[in-house]
PDB file of N, CA and C in Angstrom:
ATOM      1  N   MET A   1       9.880   5.185 -16.435  1.00  0.00           N
ATOM      2  CA  MET A   1      10.648   4.650 -16.789  1.00  0.00           C
ATOM      3  C   MET A   1      11.233   3.829 -16.043  1.00  0.00           C
ATOM      4  N   ASN A   2      11.497   2.428 -16.391  1.00  0.00           N
ATOM      5  CA  ASN A   2      11.776   1.264 -15.596  1.00  0.00           C
ATOM      6  C   ASN A   2      13.451   1.021 -16.101  1.00  0.00           C
ATOM      7  N   VAL A   3      14.182   1.960 -15.191  1.00  0.00           N
ATOM      8  CA  VAL A   3      15.656   1.416 -15.468  1.00  0.00           C
ATOM      9  C   VAL A   3      16.329   0.801 -14.714  1.00  0.00           C
ATOM     10  N   LYS A   4      17.417   0.058 -14.902  1.00  0.00           N
ATOM     11  CA  LYS A   4      18.074  -1.106 -14.164  1.00  0.00           C
ATOM     12  C   LYS A   4      19.244  -1.466 -13.938  1.00  0.00           C
ATOM     13  N   LEU A   5      20.314  -1.256 -13.022  1.00  0.00           N
ATOM     14  CA  LEU A   5      21.685  -1.561 -13.009  1.00  0.00           C
ATOM     15  C   LEU A   5      21.903  -2.717 -13.373  1.00  0.00           C
ATOM     16  N   ILE A   6      22.761  -3.456 -14.399  1.00  0.00           N
ATOM     17  CA  ILE A   6      22.688  -5.019 -14.893  1.00  0.00           C
ATOM     18  C   ILE A   6      24.032  -5.299 -14.807  1.00  0.00           C
ATOM     19  N   ARG A   7      24.390  -6.250 -14.077  1.00  0.00           N
ATOM     20  CA  ARG A   7      25.818  -6.846 -13.965  1.00  0.00           C
ATOM     21  C   ARG A   7      25.919  -7.972 -15.151  1.00  0.00           C
ATOM     22  N   MET A   8      27.074  -7.553 -15.803  1.00  0.00           N
ATOM     23  CA  MET A   8      27.134  -8.701 -16.848  1.00  0.00           C
ATOM     24  C   MET A   8      28.213  -9.655 -16.186  1.00  0.00           C
ATOM     25  N   VAL A   9      28.038 -10.979 -17.107  1.00  0.00           N
ATOM     26  CA  VAL A   9      29.156 -11.928 -16.443  1.00  0.00           C
ATOM     27  C   VAL A   9      30.090 -11.798 -16.595  1.00  0.00           C
ATOM     28  N   SER A  10      30.365 -10.574 -17.616  1.00  0.00           N
ATOM     29  CA  SER A  10      31.819 -10.255 -18.143  1.00  0.00           C
ATOM     30  C   SER A  10      32.516  -9.093 -17.079  1.00  0.00           C
ATOM     31  N   GLY A  11      31.915  -8.548 -15.834  1.00  0.00           N
ATOM     32  CA  GLY A  11      31.848  -7.944 -15.361  1.00  0.00           C
ATOM     33  C   GLY A  11      31.463  -6.481 -15.709  1.00  0.00           C
ATOM     34  N   GLU A  12      31.293  -6.248 -16.589  1.00  0.00           N
ATOM     35  CA  GLU A  12      30.603  -4.872 -16.766  1.00  0.00           C
ATOM     36  C   GLU A  12      29.255  -4.370 -16.401  1.00  0.00           C
ATOM     37  N   GLU A  13      29.274  -3.306 -15.881  1.00  0.00           N
ATOM     38  CA  GLU A  13      27.895  -2.723 -15.046  1.00  0.00           C
ATOM     39  C   GLU A  13      27.310  -1.881 -16.203  1.00  0.00           C
ATOM     40  N   VAL A  14      26.173  -2.259 -16.406  1.00  0.00           N
ATOM     41  CA  VAL A  14      25.422  -1.692 -17.835  1.00  0.00           C
ATOM     42  C   VAL A  14      23.794  -1.068 -17.218  1.00  0.00           C
ATOM     43  N   LEU A  15      23.793   0.457 -17.187  1.00  0.00           N
ATOM     44  CA  LEU A  15      22.749   0.987 -17.057  1.00  0.00           C
ATOM     45  C   LEU A  15      21.605   1.065 -17.869  1.00  0.00           C
ATOM     46  N   ALA A  16      20.671   0.404 -17.777  1.00  0.00           N
ATOM     47  CA  ALA A  16      19.233   0.500 -19.370  1.00  0.00           C
ATOM     48  C   ALA A  16      18.229   0.672 -18.735  1.00  0.00           C
ATOM     49  N   GLN A  17      17.195   1.089 -19.642  1.00  0.00           N
ATOM     50  CA  GLN A  17      16.014   1.025 -19.461  1.00  0.00           C
ATOM     51  C   GLN A  17      15.330  -0.047 -20.178  1.00  0.00           C
ATOM     52  N   ILE A  18      14.732  -1.033 -19.024  1.00  0.00           N
ATOM     53  CA  ILE A  18      13.754  -2.338 -19.268  1.00  0.00           C
ATOM     54  C   ILE A  18      12.783  -2.194 -20.252  1.00  0.00           C
ATOM     55  N   LEU A  19      12.846  -2.414 -21.590  1.00  0.00           N
ATOM     56  CA  LEU A  19      11.177  -2.788 -22.146  1.00  0.00           C
ATOM     57  C   LEU A  19      10.566  -4.291 -21.827  1.00  0.00           C
ATOM     58  N   GLU A  20      11.016  -5.518 -21.788  1.00  0.00           N
ATOM     59  CA  GLU A  20      10.760  -6.400 -21.606  1.00  0.00           C
ATOM     60  C   GLU A  20      11.685  -7.227 -20.621  1.00  0.00           C
ATOM     61  N   GLU A  21      11.278  -8.323 -19.647  1.00  0.00           N
ATOM     62  CA  GLU A  21      11.653  -9.210 -18.981  1.00  0.00           C
ATOM     63  C   GLU A  21      11.002 -10.412 -18.813  1.00  0.00           C
ATOM     64  N   GLY A  22      11.666 -11.291 -19.146  1.00  0.00           N
ATOM     65  CA  GLY A  22      11.432 -12.900 -19.035  1.00  0.00           C
ATOM     66  C   GLY A  22      12.594 -13.987 -18.542  1.00  0.00           C
ATOM     67  N   ASP A  23      11.926 -15.240 -18.587  1.00  0.00           N
ATOM     68  CA  ASP A  23      12.865 -16.183 -17.766  1.00  0.00           C
ATOM     69  C   ASP A  23      14.081 -16.056 -18.838  1.00  0.00           C
ATOM     70  N   SER A  24      14.181 -16.415 -19.863  1.00  0.00           N
ATOM     71  CA  SER A  24      14.985 -16.143 -21.246  1.00  0.00           C
ATOM     72  C   SER A  24      15.852 -15.107 -21.273  1.00  0.00           C
ATOM     73  N   GLY A  25      15.886 -14.021 -20.897  1.00  0.00           N
ATOM     74  CA  GLY A  25      16.255 -12.787 -21.134  1.00  0.00           C
ATOM     75  C   GLY A  25      15.205 -11.511 -21.219  1.00  0.00           C
ATOM     76  N   LEU A  26      16.316 -10.159 -21.565  1.00  0.00           N
ATOM     77  CA  LEU A  26      15.655  -8.704 -21.107  1.00  0.00           C
ATOM     78  C   LEU A  26      15.558  -8.265 -22.800  1.00  0.00           C
ATOM     79  N   VAL A  27      14.650  -7.248 -22.744  1.00  0.00           N
ATOM     80  CA  VAL A  27      15.062  -6.404 -23.755  1.00  0.00           C
ATOM     81  C   VAL A  27      14.966  -5.056 -23.728  1.00  0.00           C
ATOM     82  N   VAL A  28      16.160  -4.460 -23.729  1.00  0.00           N
ATOM     83  CA  VAL A  28      16.569  -3.102 -23.097  1.00  0.00           C
ATOM     84  C   VAL A  28      16.949  -2.095 -23.868  1.00  0.00           C
ATOM     85  N   LYS A  29      16.717  -0.729 -24.054  1.00  0.00           N
ATOM     86  CA  LYS A  29      16.789   0.261 -24.702  1.00  0.00           C
ATOM     87  C   LYS A  29      17.920   1.406 -23.702  1.00  0.00           C
ATOM     88  N   ASN A  30      18.543   2.049 -25.107  1.00  0.00           N
ATOM     89  CA  ASN A  30      19.588   2.946 -24.483  1.00  0.00           C
ATOM     90  C   ASN A  30      20.386   2.458 -23.429  1.00  0.00           C
ATOM     91  N   PRO A  31      21.125   1.351 -23.654  1.00  0.00           N
ATOM     92  CA  PRO A  31      22.202   1.069 -22.178  1.00  0.00           C
ATOM     93  C   PRO A  31      23.180   1.671 -22.477  1.00  0.00           C
ATOM     94  N   ALA A  32      23.698   2.166 -21.014  1.00  0.00           N
ATOM     95  CA  ALA A  32      24.819   2.978 -20.847  1.00  0.00           C
ATOM     96  C   ALA A  32      25.947   2.216 -19.597  1.00  0.00           C
ATOM     97  N   ILE A  33      27.420   2.090 -20.482  1.00  0.00           N
ATOM     98  CA  ILE A  33      28.225   1.155 -19.418  1.00  0.00           C
ATOM     99  C   ILE A  33      28.479   2.523 -18.536  1.00  0.00           C
ATOM    100  N   ILE A  34      29.105   2.152 -17.384  1.00  0.00           N
ATOM    101  CA  ILE A  34      29.591   2.786 -16.166  1.00  0.00           C
ATOM    102  C   ILE A  34      30.987   2.594 -16.336  1.00  0.00           C
ATOM    103  N   LEU A  35      31.824   3.627 -15.842  1.00  0.00           N
ATOM    104  CA  LEU A  35      33.189   3.618 -16.273  1.00  0.00           C
ATOM    105  C   LEU A  35      33.886   4.906 -15.152  1.00  0.00           C
ATOM    106  N   PRO A  36      34.963   4.342 -14.692  1.00  0.00           N
ATOM    107  CA  PRO A  36      35.617   5.026 -13.664  1.00  0.00           C
ATOM    108  C   PRO A  36      36.146   6.476 -13.947  1.00  0.00           C
ATOM    109  N   ALA A  37      36.094   7.430 -13.730  1.00  0.00           N
ATOM    110  CA  ALA A  37      36.143   8.578 -14.440  1.00  0.00           C
ATOM    111  C   ALA A  37      36.952   9.286 -13.458  1.00  0.00           C
ATOM    112  N   GLY A  38      37.928   8.746 -12.382  1.00  0.00           N
ATOM    113  CA  GLY A  38      38.963   9.040 -11.733  1.00  0.00           C
ATOM    114  C   GLY A  38      38.528   9.785 -10.045  1.00  0.00           C
ATOM    115  N   GLN A  39      39.236  10.020  -9.458  1.00  0.00           N
ATOM    116  CA  GLN A  39      38.775  11.023  -8.095  1.00  0.00           C
ATOM    117  C   GLN A  39      37.233  10.847  -7.603  1.00  0.00           C
ATOM    118  N   GLY A  40      37.218   8.918  -7.516  1.00  0.00           N
ATOM    119  CA  GLY A  40      35.962   8.547  -6.949  1.00  0.00           C
ATOM    120  C   GLY A  40      34.608   8.875  -7.618  1.00  0.00           C
ATOM    121  N   ARG A  41      35.353   9.582  -9.009  1.00  0.00           N
ATOM    122  CA  ARG A  41      33.855   9.864 -10.151  1.00  0.00           C
ATOM    123  C   ARG A  41      33.748   8.589 -11.034  1.00  0.00           C
ATOM    124  N   LEU A  42      32.534   8.314 -11.623  1.00  0.00           N
ATOM    125  CA  LEU A  42      31.913   7.773 -12.477  1.00  0.00           C
ATOM    126  C   LEU A  42      31.517   8.179 -13.770  1.00  0.00           C
ATOM    127  N   ALA A  43      31.346   8.006 -14.824  1.00  0.00           N
ATOM    128  CA  ALA A  43      30.835   8.209 -16.179  1.00  0.00           C
ATOM    129  C   ALA A  43      30.018   7.331 -16.900  1.00  0.00           C
ATOM    130  N   LEU A  44      29.030   7.537 -17.274  1.00  0.00           N
ATOM    131  CA  LEU A  44      27.904   7.026 -18.401  1.00  0.00           C
ATOM    132  C   LEU A  44      28.544   6.814 -19.615  1.00  0.00           C
ATOM    133  N   VAL A  45      28.708   6.123 -20.262  1.00  0.00           N
ATOM    134  CA  VAL A  45      29.231   6.095 -21.815  1.00  0.00           C
ATOM    135  C   VAL A  45      28.114   5.060 -22.569  1.00  0.00           C
ATOM    136  N   PRO A  46      27.888   5.607 -23.805  1.00  0.00           N
ATOM    137  CA  PRO A  46      26.820   4.668 -24.178  1.00  0.00           C
ATOM    138  C   PRO A  46      27.224   3.093 -24.963  1.00  0.00           C
ATOM    139  N   TRP A  47      26.689   2.417 -24.205  1.00  0.00           N
ATOM    140  CA  TRP A  47      27.053   0.889 -24.483  1.00  0.00           C
ATOM    141  C   TRP A  47      26.699   0.505 -26.027  1.00  0.00           C
ATOM    142  N   LEU A  48      28.119  -0.223 -26.858  1.00  0.00           N
ATOM    143  CA  LEU A  48      27.729  -0.401 -28.260  1.00  0.00           C
ATOM    144  C   LEU A  48      27.334   1.129 -29.072  1.00  0.00           C
ATOM    145  N   PRO A  49      27.649   2.074 -29.022  1.00  0.00           N
ATOM    146  CA  PRO A  49      27.358   3.158 -29.983  1.00  0.00           C
ATOM    147  C   PRO A  49      26.999   3.385 -31.204  1.00  0.00           C
ATOM    148  N   TYR A  50      27.523   2.439 -32.016  1.00  0.00           N
ATOM    149  CA  TYR A  50      27.403   2.056 -33.213  1.00  0.00           C
ATOM    150  C   TYR A  50      26.239   1.421 -33.494  1.00  0.00           C
ATOM    151  N   ALA A  51      25.095   1.232 -32.722  1.00  0.00           N
ATOM    152  CA  ALA A  51      24.354  -0.002 -32.797  1.00  0.00           C
ATOM    153  C   ALA A  51      23.204   0.609 -32.447  1.00  0.00           C
ATOM    154  N   GLU A  52      22.168  -0.202 -33.142  1.00  0.00           N
ATOM    155  CA  GLU A  52      20.846   0.438 -33.075  1.00  0.00           C
ATOM    156  C   GLU A  52      20.220  -0.352 -31.332  1.00  0.00           C
ATOM    157  N   THR A  53      20.229   0.314 -30.631  1.00  0.00           N
ATOM    158  CA  THR A  53      19.977  -0.180 -29.339  1.00  0.00           C
ATOM    159  C   THR A  53      18.718  -0.080 -28.654  1.00  0.00           C
ATOM    160  N   GLU A  54      17.871   0.226 -29.816  1.00  0.00           N
ATOM    161  CA  GLU A  54      16.105  -0.206 -28.931  1.00  0.00           C
ATOM    162  C   GLU A  54      16.051  -1.290 -29.422  1.00  0.00           C
ATOM    163  N   GLY A  55      15.537  -2.074 -28.066  1.00  0.00           N
ATOM    164  CA  GLY A  55      15.033  -3.284 -28.737  1.00  0.00           C
ATOM    165  C   GLY A  55      16.247  -4.607 -28.314  1.00  0.00           C
ATOM    166  N   MET A  56      17.217  -4.110 -27.874  1.00  0.00           N
ATOM    167  CA  MET A  56      18.530  -4.880 -27.467  1.00  0.00           C
ATOM    168  C   MET A  56      17.987  -6.060 -26.971  1.00  0.00           C
ATOM    169  N   TYR A  57      18.032  -7.451 -27.074  1.00  0.00           N
ATOM    170  CA  TYR A  57      17.879  -8.680 -26.441  1.00  0.00           C
ATOM    171  C   TYR A  57      19.239  -9.079 -25.776  1.00  0.00           C
ATOM    172  N   LEU A  58      19.278  -9.240 -24.264  1.00  0.00           N
ATOM    173  CA  LEU A  58      20.213  -9.899 -23.557  1.00  0.00           C
ATOM    174  C   LEU A  58      19.526 -11.393 -23.102  1.00  0.00           C
ATOM    175  N   ALA A  59      20.305 -12.420 -23.803  1.00  0.00           N
ATOM    176  CA  ALA A  59      20.060 -13.579 -22.991  1.00  0.00           C
ATOM    177  C   ALA A  59      20.500 -13.565 -21.493  1.00  0.00           C
ATOM    178  N   SER A  60      19.752 -14.186 -20.561  1.00  0.00           N
ATOM    179  CA  SER A  60      19.997 -14.279 -19.206  1.00  0.00           C
ATOM    180  C   SER A  60      21.199 -14.861 -18.747  1.00  0.00           C
ATOM    181  N   LYS A  61      21.475 -15.506 -19.748  1.00  0.00           N
ATOM    182  CA  LYS A  61      23.188 -15.951 -19.326  1.00  0.00           C
ATOM    183  C   LYS A  61      24.396 -15.149 -19.822  1.00  0.00           C
ATOM    184  N   VAL A  62      23.638 -14.249 -20.034  1.00  0.00           N
ATOM    185  CA  VAL A  62      24.995 -13.026 -19.941  1.00  0.00           C
ATOM    186  C   VAL A  62      25.218 -11.873 -19.012  1.00  0.00           C
ATOM    187  N   TYR A  63      24.187 -11.939 -18.268  1.00  0.00           N
ATOM    188  CA  TYR A  63      24.147 -10.868 -16.878  1.00  0.00           C
ATOM    189  C   TYR A  63      23.761 -11.854 -15.715  1.00  0.00           C
ATOM    190  N   SER A  64      24.394 -10.897 -14.581  1.00  0.00           N
ATOM    191  CA  SER A  64      24.395 -12.172 -13.232  1.00  0.00           C
ATOM    192  C   SER A  64      23.001 -11.636 -12.695  1.00  0.00           C
ATOM    193  N   PHE A  65      22.816 -10.551 -12.482  1.00  0.00           N
ATOM    194  CA  PHE A  65      21.600  -9.817 -11.630  1.00  0.00           C
ATOM    195  C   PHE A  65      21.385  -8.463 -12.309  1.00  0.00           C
ATOM    196  N   MET A  66      19.934  -7.890 -11.508  1.00  0.00           N
ATOM    197  CA  MET A  66      19.842  -6.531 -12.017  1.00  0.00           C
ATOM    198  C   MET A  66      19.711  -5.969 -10.783  1.00  0.00           C
ATOM    199  N   VAL A  67      19.707  -4.986 -10.563  1.00  0.00           N
ATOM    200  CA  VAL A  67      18.892  -4.177  -8.990  1.00  0.00           C
ATOM    201  C   VAL A  67      18.838  -2.784  -9.418  1.00  0.00           C
ATOM    202  N   VAL A  68      18.313  -1.793  -8.686  1.00  0.00           N
ATOM    203  CA  VAL A  68      17.589  -0.945  -9.107  1.00  0.00           C
ATOM    204  C   VAL A  68      18.559   0.323  -8.664  1.00  0.00           C
ATOM    205  N   PRO A  69      19.164   1.078  -9.417  1.00  0.00           N
ATOM    206  CA  PRO A  69      20.290   2.169  -9.190  1.00  0.00           C
ATOM    207  C   PRO A  69      20.148   3.358  -8.449  1.00  0.00           C
ATOM    208  N   LYS A  70      20.884   3.935  -7.423  1.00  0.00           N
ATOM    209  CA  LYS A  70      20.944   4.718  -6.757  1.00  0.00           C
ATOM    210  C   LYS A  70      20.463   5.983  -7.350  1.00  0.00           C
ATOM    211  N   THR A  71      19.683   6.961  -6.720  1.00  0.00           N
ATOM    212  CA  THR A  71      19.192   8.213  -6.804  1.00  0.00           C
ATOM    213  C   THR A  71      19.915   8.846  -8.145  1.00  0.00           C
ATOM    214  N   ASP A  72      21.283   9.280  -7.615  1.00  0.00           N
ATOM    215  CA  ASP A  72      22.365   9.732  -8.332  1.00  0.00           C
ATOM    216  C   ASP A  72      22.415   9.067  -9.574  1.00  0.00           C
ATOM    217  N   LEU A  73      22.571   8.076  -9.768  1.00  0.00           N
ATOM    218  CA  LEU A  73      22.908   7.440 -10.938  1.00  0.00           C
ATOM    219  C   LEU A  73      21.965   7.637 -11.677  1.00  0.00           C
ATOM    220  N   LEU A  74      20.745   7.223 -11.469  1.00  0.00           N
ATOM    221  CA  LEU A  74      19.476   7.424 -11.812  1.00  0.00           C
ATOM    222  C   LEU A  74      19.152   8.579 -12.468  1.00  0.00           C
ATOM    223  N   ASN A  75      19.365   9.575 -12.099  1.00  0.00           N
ATOM    224  CA  ASN A  75      18.933  11.018 -12.792  1.00  0.00           C
ATOM    225  C   ASN A  75      20.333  11.359 -13.541  1.00  0.00           C
ATOM    226  N   GLU A  76      21.521  11.100 -13.439  1.00  0.00           N
ATOM    227  CA  GLU A  76      22.668  11.125 -14.499  1.00  0.00           C
ATOM    228  C   GLU A  76      22.216  10.531 -15.457  1.00  0.00           C
ATOM    229  N   TYR A  77      21.433   9.134 -15.820  1.00  0.00           N
ATOM    230  CA  TYR A  77      21.098   8.439 -16.783  1.00  0.00           C
ATOM    231  C   TYR A  77      19.860   9.334 -17.509  1.00  0.00           C
ATOM    232  N   ASN A  78      18.944   9.599 -16.711  1.00  0.00           N
ATOM    233  CA  ASN A  78      17.861  10.405 -17.007  1.00  0.00           C
ATOM    234  C   ASN A  78      18.193  11.667 -17.865  1.00  0.00           C
ATOM    235  N   SER A  79      19.061  12.291 -17.425  1.00  0.00           N
ATOM    236  CA  SER A  79      19.476  13.390 -18.247  1.00  0.00           C
ATOM    237  C   SER A  79      20.249  13.179 -19.609  1.00  0.00           C
ATOM    238  N   MET A  80      20.772  12.175 -19.742  1.00  0.00           N
ATOM    239  CA  MET A  80      21.368  11.619 -20.740  1.00  0.00           C
ATOM    240  C   MET A  80      20.657  11.138 -21.793  1.00  0.00           C
ATOM    241  N   PHE A  81      19.579  10.111 -21.587  1.00  0.00           N
ATOM    242  CA  PHE A  81      18.857   9.136 -22.378  1.00  0.00           C
ATOM    243  C   PHE A  81      17.312   9.193 -21.887  1.00  0.00           C
ATOM    244  N   GLY A  82      16.748  10.170 -21.009  1.00  0.00           N
ATOM    245  CA  GLY A  82      15.462   9.936 -20.780  1.00  0.00           C
ATOM    246  C   GLY A  82      14.728  11.208 -20.674  1.00  0.00           C
ATOM    247  N   SER A  83      13.988  11.779 -19.904  1.00  0.00           N
ATOM    248  CA  SER A  83      13.041  12.993 -20.025  1.00  0.00           C
ATOM    249  C   SER A  83      14.074  14.221 -19.581  1.00  0.00           C
ATOM    250  N   GLY A  84      15.145  14.049 -18.811  1.00  0.00           N
ATOM    251  CA  GLY A  84      15.509  14.923 -18.229  1.00  0.00           C
ATOM    252  C   GLY A  84      15.152  15.171 -16.800  1.00  0.00           C
ATOM    253  N   LEU A  85      13.979  14.589 -16.728  1.00  0.00           N
ATOM    254  CA  LEU A  85      13.684  15.210 -15.222  1.00  0.00           C
ATOM    255  C   LEU A  85      14.563  14.320 -13.984  1.00  0.00           C
ATOM    256  N   VAL A  86      14.848  14.985 -13.177  1.00  0.00           N
ATOM    257  CA  VAL A  86      15.739  14.333 -12.185  1.00  0.00           C
ATOM    258  C   VAL A  86      14.614  14.204 -10.707  1.00  0.00           C
ATOM    259  N   LEU A  87      14.923  13.442  -9.918  1.00  0.00           N
ATOM    260  CA  LEU A  87      14.247  13.191  -8.587  1.00  0.00           C
ATOM    261  C   LEU A  87      15.341  13.915  -7.318  1.00  0.00           C
ATOM    262  N   PRO A  88      14.448  14.352  -6.572  1.00  0.00           N
ATOM    263  CA  PRO A  88      15.004  15.169  -5.746  1.00  0.00           C
ATOM    264  C   PRO A  88      15.594  14.228  -4.253  1.00  0.00           C
ATOM    265  N   PRO A  89      16.311  14.726  -3.730  1.00  0.00           N
ATOM    266  CA  PRO A  89      16.791  13.739  -2.724  1.00  0.00           C
ATOM    267  C   PRO A  89      15.365  13.504  -1.662  1.00  0.00           C
ATOM    268  N   LYS A  90      15.780  12.496  -0.926  1.00  0.00           N
ATOM    269  CA  LYS A  90      14.361  11.733  -0.364  1.00  0.00           C
ATOM    270  C   LYS A  90      13.884  12.799   0.777  1.00  0.00           C
ATOM    271  N   GLU A  91      15.169  13.123   1.435  1.00  0.00           N
ATOM    272  CA  GLU A  91      14.484  14.240   2.253  1.00  0.00           C
ATOM    273  C   GLU A  91      13.823  15.666   2.126  1.00  0.00           C
ATOM    274  N   LEU A  92      14.391  16.264   0.598  1.00  0.00           N
ATOM    275  CA  LEU A  92      13.538  17.279   0.307  1.00  0.00           C
ATOM    276  C   LEU A  92      12.345  17.092  -0.581  1.00  0.00           C
ATOM    277  N   ALA A  93      11.657  15.596  -0.376  1.00  0.00           N
ATOM    278  CA  ALA A  93      10.649  15.414  -1.166  1.00  0.00           C
ATOM    279  C   ALA A  93       9.221  15.440   0.124  1.00  0.00           C
ATOM    280  N   THR A  94       9.605  15.303   0.931  1.00  0.00           N
ATOM    281  CA  THR A  94       8.479  15.016   1.688  1.00  0.00           C
ATOM    282  C   THR A  94       8.724  16.121   2.886  1.00  0.00           C
ATOM    283  N   PRO A  95       8.613  17.285   3.228  1.00  0.00           N
ATOM    284  CA  PRO A  95       8.727  18.271   3.957  1.00  0.00           C
ATOM    285  C   PRO A  95       8.689  17.947   5.644  1.00  0.00           C
ATOM    286  N   LYS A  96       8.477  18.123   6.852  1.00  0.00           N
ATOM    287  CA  LYS A  96       8.447  17.740   8.063  1.00  0.00           C
ATOM    288  C   LYS A  96       7.317  18.753   8.299  1.00  0.00           C
ATOM    289  N   LEU A  97       6.203  18.295   8.349  1.00  0.00           N
ATOM    290  CA  LEU A  97       5.015  19.043   9.188  1.00  0.00           C
ATOM    291  C   LEU A  97       4.874  18.896  10.782  1.00  0.00           C
ATOM    292  N   VAL A  98       4.893  19.878  11.062  1.00  0.00           N
ATOM    293  CA  VAL A  98       4.465  19.651  12.921  1.00  0.00           C
ATOM    294  C   VAL A  98       3.049  20.825  13.154  1.00  0.00           C
ATOM    295  N   LEU A  99       2.466  19.841  13.701  1.00  0.00           N
ATOM    296  CA  LEU A  99       0.801  20.439  14.481  1.00  0.00           C
ATOM    297  C   LEU A  99       0.886  21.240  15.270  1.00  0.00           C
ATOM    298  N   SER A 100       0.253  22.036  15.352  1.00  0.00           N
ATOM    299  CA  SER A 100       0.283  23.118  16.444  1.00  0.00           C
ATOM    300  C   SER A 100      -1.154  23.096  16.830  1.00  0.00           C
ATOM    301  N   GLU A 101      -1.273  23.626  18.222  1.00  0.00           N
ATOM    302  CA  GLU A 101      -3.027  23.843  18.735  1.00  0.00           C
ATOM    303  C   GLU A 101      -3.187  25.078  18.913  1.00  0.00           C
TER     304      GLU A 101
END
C-alpha cells in the first residue's frame, strides 16, 4: 500500500493511500487528517467523512508536497484503513548475527 503524508496549501496534513500520481494531481483513497490530541499526541480522523473518498482527485495546486510518513503514523493508518498489519521497529526487524568459529 502506497501511503503518503500530504501537506495541503491550507496547512492541513492528510495521510492517504495514493492510487495514481501525475503532474496535474493525485488520486487518493481513505484520506485522514492529522489532528493534535493533547499532551503531545496525534489523532487520525477521516477527512470528509460524509463523502465517497475512494478515487478522490486532488489537483496539484491544492497541496504543497508529499513525504513518506514515519512508521508509527503509518501503523496507525494501517490499523484504521488498511490491512491492520503493522511494521516492527527497524531494530527488531533484523536481528544482529554474530559469527563464531
